[in-house]
Protein backbone atom coordinates (compact mmCIF):
# COMPACT_ATOMS: atom_id res chain seq x y z
CA MET A 1 -6.44 -61.05 11.09
CA LYS A 2 -2.98 -59.84 10.06
CA ILE A 3 -2.02 -56.18 10.39
CA LEU A 4 1.03 -54.18 9.35
CA ILE A 5 1.75 -51.01 11.34
CA ILE A 6 4.07 -48.47 9.73
CA ASP A 7 5.24 -45.86 12.23
CA ARG A 8 8.27 -44.50 14.08
CA SER A 9 9.85 -47.15 16.26
CA GLY A 10 9.77 -46.64 20.00
CA PHE A 11 7.84 -47.26 23.17
CA GLN A 12 4.60 -45.68 21.90
CA LEU A 13 4.58 -47.98 18.86
CA GLN A 14 5.23 -51.07 20.99
CA THR A 15 2.42 -50.05 23.36
CA ARG A 16 0.03 -49.44 20.45
CA LYS A 17 0.93 -52.85 18.97
CA MET A 18 0.36 -54.63 22.28
CA LEU A 19 -3.01 -52.96 22.91
CA ILE A 20 -4.31 -53.67 19.41
CA GLU A 21 -3.13 -57.29 19.52
CA GLU A 22 -4.85 -57.76 22.85
CA ALA A 23 -8.11 -56.14 21.73
CA LEU A 24 -8.36 -57.87 18.35
CA LYS A 25 -6.50 -61.14 19.02
CA CYS A 26 -4.54 -60.57 15.83
CA GLU A 27 -1.00 -60.79 14.51
CA ILE A 28 0.84 -57.51 13.93
CA ASP A 29 4.05 -56.81 12.03
CA ILE A 30 5.87 -53.49 12.39
CA ALA A 31 7.86 -51.47 9.86
CA SER A 32 9.54 -48.13 10.48
CA LYS A 33 11.42 -47.58 7.22
CA LEU A 34 10.55 -47.68 3.54
CA SER A 35 12.91 -50.62 2.99
CA GLU A 36 11.12 -52.59 5.72
CA VAL A 37 7.77 -51.86 4.09
CA PHE A 38 9.04 -53.27 0.77
CA ILE A 39 10.15 -56.47 2.51
CA MET A 40 7.11 -56.90 4.78
CA PHE A 41 4.51 -56.05 2.15
CA HIS A 42 5.98 -58.49 -0.37
CA LYS A 43 6.53 -61.24 2.21
CA ASP A 44 2.97 -61.29 3.59
CA GLU A 45 -0.55 -60.17 2.86
CA TYR A 46 -2.28 -57.91 5.36
CA ASP A 47 -5.94 -57.41 6.14
CA VAL A 48 -5.24 -53.83 7.14
CA VAL A 49 -2.16 -51.59 6.99
CA VAL A 50 -2.07 -48.85 9.64
CA ILE A 51 0.30 -46.01 8.75
CA ASP A 52 1.37 -42.65 10.07
CA ASN A 53 2.13 -41.02 6.75
CA THR A 54 4.04 -38.16 8.42
CA ILE A 55 7.00 -40.44 9.11
CA GLU A 56 10.06 -40.14 6.89
CA ASN A 57 9.12 -41.63 3.50
CA GLY A 58 5.55 -42.15 4.70
CA GLN A 59 3.98 -41.01 1.45
CA GLU A 60 6.38 -43.23 -0.50
CA CYS A 61 5.23 -46.18 1.64
CA VAL A 62 1.60 -45.41 0.78
CA ASN A 63 2.46 -45.04 -2.91
CA HIS A 64 4.33 -48.36 -2.98
CA ILE A 65 1.49 -50.21 -1.28
CA LEU A 66 -1.12 -48.75 -3.63
CA GLU A 67 1.01 -49.51 -6.70
CA THR A 68 1.34 -53.11 -5.52
CA ASP A 69 -2.30 -53.50 -4.45
CA PRO A 70 -4.65 -50.57 -5.15
CA HIS A 71 -7.33 -52.23 -3.01
CA GLN A 72 -5.22 -52.75 0.12
CA SER A 73 -7.10 -51.58 3.20
CA LEU A 74 -5.16 -48.61 4.62
CA LEU A 75 -5.88 -46.78 7.85
CA VAL A 76 -3.92 -43.53 7.81
CA VAL A 77 -3.38 -42.05 11.26
CA SER A 78 -1.90 -38.61 10.79
CA ASP A 79 -1.89 -35.03 11.96
CA ALA A 80 -1.59 -33.89 8.34
CA ILE A 81 -4.62 -32.06 7.01
CA HIS A 82 -4.25 -33.46 3.49
CA CYS A 83 -5.23 -36.88 2.17
CA VAL A 84 -2.62 -39.35 0.95
CA ILE A 85 -4.27 -39.25 -2.49
CA ASN A 86 -4.54 -36.05 -4.55
CA ARG A 87 -8.32 -35.89 -4.27
CA CYS A 88 -10.03 -36.97 -1.08
CA GLY A 89 -12.85 -38.77 -2.90
CA ASP A 90 -10.34 -41.02 -4.65
CA CYS A 91 -9.48 -42.59 -1.28
CA VAL A 92 -13.10 -43.59 -0.83
CA ASN A 93 -14.16 -44.27 -4.42
CA ASN A 94 -11.05 -45.94 -5.89
CA HIS A 95 -9.17 -47.31 -2.87
CA HIS A 96 -9.84 -48.71 0.59
CA ILE A 97 -8.38 -45.85 2.61
CA ARG A 98 -9.71 -44.39 5.84
CA ARG A 99 -8.14 -41.56 7.83
CA LEU A 100 -7.97 -40.70 11.52
CA PHE A 101 -6.33 -37.60 12.95
CA ASN A 102 -3.42 -38.09 15.33
CA PRO A 103 -3.42 -38.20 18.26
CA THR A 104 -6.30 -40.62 18.38
CA PRO A 105 -7.29 -43.01 21.17
CA ILE A 106 -6.35 -46.65 20.67
CA LYS A 107 -10.05 -47.55 20.91
CA ASN A 108 -10.69 -45.59 17.67
CA ILE A 109 -7.90 -47.44 15.88
CA VAL A 110 -9.23 -50.77 17.14
CA ARG A 111 -12.79 -49.81 16.05
CA MET A 112 -11.63 -48.84 12.56
CA VAL A 113 -9.40 -51.89 12.07
CA ASP A 114 -11.99 -54.33 13.38
CA GLY A 115 -14.84 -53.00 11.25
CA PHE A 116 -12.77 -51.51 8.45
CA GLN A 117 -15.05 -52.41 5.54
CA SER A 118 -18.16 -51.09 7.27
CA TYR A 119 -16.75 -47.60 7.93
CA ALA A 120 -16.48 -44.72 5.52
CA CYS A 121 -13.72 -42.19 5.98
CA ASP A 122 -14.67 -39.79 8.80
CA HIS A 123 -13.28 -36.90 6.75
CA TYR A 124 -15.15 -37.42 3.52
CA ASP A 125 -18.68 -36.28 2.77
CA GLU A 126 -20.10 -38.36 -0.09
CA GLU A 127 -22.86 -35.83 -0.69
CA THR A 128 -20.48 -32.94 -1.40
CA ASN A 129 -17.41 -35.00 -2.42
CA LYS A 130 -15.32 -32.92 -0.01
CA ILE A 131 -13.50 -33.36 3.25
């Protein structure tokens, strides 16, 4: 499995990377800037992209990824209350986007990445089409 993590650089990101690599026995690339996302996303294919969309240019990173591959699996870890797509149901129905609130334990990130396709977004109710 190959993962791209888009987040602020620093000790917390390095720790998160190490713990996820250890738990999932996977390869992880890191990007902290929009320009790095352009390079990394075009250089490799990723099974899952994990992003904190509250970073500088975070929404632009999401938009670029979805323009390039609308079916890219995205795990958005954020303290923002809004979805990265205009309507929450679009994340579920038209894309492969799941969302976790930050802060979230590493075990939840590992669970979501490992079983990404079998999880629905925790914040979306298919019955009511609302978060």
